Amino acid sequence: MGLSLETELVQVRKCGFALDCQGSQPDLNCLAIPLRLQGHVVRALGTSGMAEQLKPTALQLQAKRALRQLYELVKF
């Protein structure tokens, strides 16, 4: 059984992104990154793919890179 929704939301807030590794569908891994405007989530950036090709460690690396690049775009 997976984590409770509250536990998952705490993890997403801590990491800055959400991963779903075969939780909603077998052989499918997904990544979502919340996009914020003035502190409010207004959109999400996401990707998904076959679990065999899109490993959790690769998704985490992509998420961290995307967050770093997004931060650099809006940094003043």
C-alpha atoms as a PDB file:
ATOM      1  CA  MET A   1       0.000   0.000   0.000  1.00  0.00           C
ATOM      2  CA  GLY A   2       1.265   3.509  -0.833  1.00  0.00           C
ATOM      3  CA  LEU A   3       1.729   6.556   1.342  1.00  0.00           C
ATOM      4  CA  SER A   4      -1.248   8.574   2.561  1.00  0.00           C
ATOM      5  CA  LEU A   5      -2.116  11.667   0.541  1.00  0.00           C
ATOM      6  CA  GLU A   6      -1.024  13.921   3.399  1.00  0.00           C
ATOM      7  CA  THR A   7       2.356  12.160   3.616  1.00  0.00           C
ATOM      8  CA  GLU A   8       2.824  12.409  -0.145  1.00  0.00           C
ATOM      9  CA  LEU A   9       1.998  16.142  -0.132  1.00  0.00           C
ATOM     10  CA  VAL A  10       4.558  16.747   2.632  1.00  0.00           C
ATOM     11  CA  GLN A  11       7.137  14.880   0.519  1.00  0.00           C
ATOM     12  CA  VAL A  12       6.247  16.911  -2.590  1.00  0.00           C
ATOM     13  CA  ARG A  13       6.599  20.161  -0.660  1.00  0.00           C
ATOM     14  CA  LYS A  14       9.968  19.041   0.713  1.00  0.00           C
ATOM     15  CA  CYS A  15      11.356  17.856  -2.655  1.00  0.00           C
ATOM     16  CA  GLY A  16       9.652  20.412  -4.887  1.00  0.00           C
ATOM     17  CA  PHE A  17       8.309  17.756  -7.253  1.00  0.00           C
ATOM     18  CA  ALA A  18       6.132  14.634  -7.296  1.00  0.00           C
ATOM     19  CA  LEU A  19       6.985  11.186  -8.561  1.00  0.00           C
ATOM     20  CA  ASP A  20       4.581   8.371  -9.318  1.00  0.00           C
ATOM     21  CA  CYS A  21       6.566   5.212  -9.994  1.00  0.00           C
ATOM     22  CA  GLN A  22       4.118   2.590 -11.204  1.00  0.00           C
ATOM     23  CA  GLY A  23       1.649   3.685  -8.516  1.00  0.00           C
ATOM     24  CA  SER A  24      -1.252   4.579 -10.762  1.00  0.00           C
ATOM     25  CA  GLN A  25      -0.474   2.241 -13.654  1.00  0.00           C
ATOM     26  CA  PRO A  26       1.912  -0.700 -14.044  1.00  0.00           C
ATOM     27  CA  ASP A  27       5.014   0.025 -16.138  1.00  0.00           C
ATOM     28  CA  LEU A  28       4.431   3.802 -16.080  1.00  0.00           C
ATOM     29  CA  ASN A  29       6.540   6.362 -14.194  1.00  0.00           C
ATOM     30  CA  CYS A  30       5.488  10.010 -13.945  1.00  0.00           C
ATOM     31  CA  LEU A  31       7.000  13.290 -12.752  1.00  0.00           C
ATOM     32  CA  ALA A  32       5.204  16.560 -11.946  1.00  0.00           C
ATOM     33  CA  ILE A  33       6.731  19.913 -11.029  1.00  0.00           C
ATOM     34  CA  PRO A  34       4.470  22.681  -9.709  1.00  0.00           C
ATOM     35  CA  LEU A  35       4.955  26.057 -11.376  1.00  0.00           C
ATOM     36  CA  ARG A  36       4.339  28.993  -9.084  1.00  0.00           C
ATOM     37  CA  LEU A  37       3.416  32.623  -9.661  1.00  0.00           C
ATOM     38  CA  GLN A  38       3.696  34.895  -6.636  1.00  0.00           C
ATOM     39  CA  GLY A  39       3.774  31.875  -4.353  1.00  0.00           C
ATOM     40  CA  HIS A  40       0.685  30.191  -5.818  1.00  0.00           C
ATOM     41  CA  VAL A  41       0.740  27.058  -7.945  1.00  0.00           C
ATOM     42  CA  VAL A  42      -0.700  28.076 -11.312  1.00  0.00           C
ATOM     43  CA  ARG A  43       0.412  25.232 -13.570  1.00  0.00           C
ATOM     44  CA  ALA A  44       2.314  21.979 -13.506  1.00  0.00           C
ATOM     45  CA  LEU A  45       5.048  20.653 -15.727  1.00  0.00           C
ATOM     46  CA  GLY A  46       4.903  16.911 -16.153  1.00  0.00           C
ATOM     47  CA  THR A  47       6.254  13.969 -18.040  1.00  0.00           C
ATOM     48  CA  SER A  48       5.635  10.258 -18.076  1.00  0.00           C
ATOM     49  CA  GLY A  49       7.046   7.209 -19.756  1.00  0.00           C
ATOM     50  CA  MET A  50       7.589   3.508 -19.635  1.00  0.00           C
ATOM     51  CA  ALA A  51       9.138   2.501 -16.313  1.00  0.00           C
ATOM     52  CA  GLU A  52      11.757   0.427 -18.115  1.00  0.00           C
ATOM     53  CA  GLN A  53      13.062   3.522 -19.910  1.00  0.00           C
ATOM     54  CA  LEU A  54      12.275   6.282 -17.401  1.00  0.00           C
ATOM     55  CA  LYS A  55      13.833   5.165 -14.113  1.00  0.00           C
ATOM     56  CA  PRO A  56      13.042   6.932 -10.802  1.00  0.00           C
ATOM     57  CA  THR A  57      16.652   8.104 -10.384  1.00  0.00           C
ATOM     58  CA  ALA A  58      16.585   9.665 -13.861  1.00  0.00           C
ATOM     59  CA  LEU A  59      13.257  11.373 -13.095  1.00  0.00           C
ATOM     60  CA  GLN A  60      14.652  12.800  -9.857  1.00  0.00           C
ATOM     61  CA  LEU A  61      17.707  14.120 -11.687  1.00  0.00           C
ATOM     62  CA  GLN A  62      15.516  15.697 -14.390  1.00  0.00           C
ATOM     63  CA  ALA A  63      13.291  17.287 -11.746  1.00  0.00           C
ATOM     64  CA  LYS A  64      16.235  18.792  -9.872  1.00  0.00           C
ATOM     65  CA  ARG A  65      17.729  20.145 -13.103  1.00  0.00           C
ATOM     66  CA  ALA A  66      14.395  21.633 -14.189  1.00  0.00           C
ATOM     67  CA  LEU A  67      13.845  23.285 -10.812  1.00  0.00           C
ATOM     68  CA  ARG A  68      17.367  24.720 -10.857  1.00  0.00           C
ATOM     69  CA  GLN A  69      16.898  26.065 -14.412  1.00  0.00           C
ATOM     70  CA  LEU A  70      13.467  27.489 -13.626  1.00  0.00           C
ATOM     71  CA  TYR A  71      14.897  29.202 -10.560  1.00  0.00           C
ATOM     72  CA  GLU A  72      17.689  30.726 -12.646  1.00  0.00           C
ATOM     73  CA  LEU A  73      15.126  32.046 -15.177  1.00  0.00           C
ATOM     74  CA  VAL A  74      13.196  33.983 -12.537  1.00  0.00           C
ATOM     75  CA  LYS A  75      16.129  34.979 -10.343  1.00  0.00           C
ATOM     76  CA  PHE A  76      16.644  38.747 -10.235  1.00  0.00           C
END
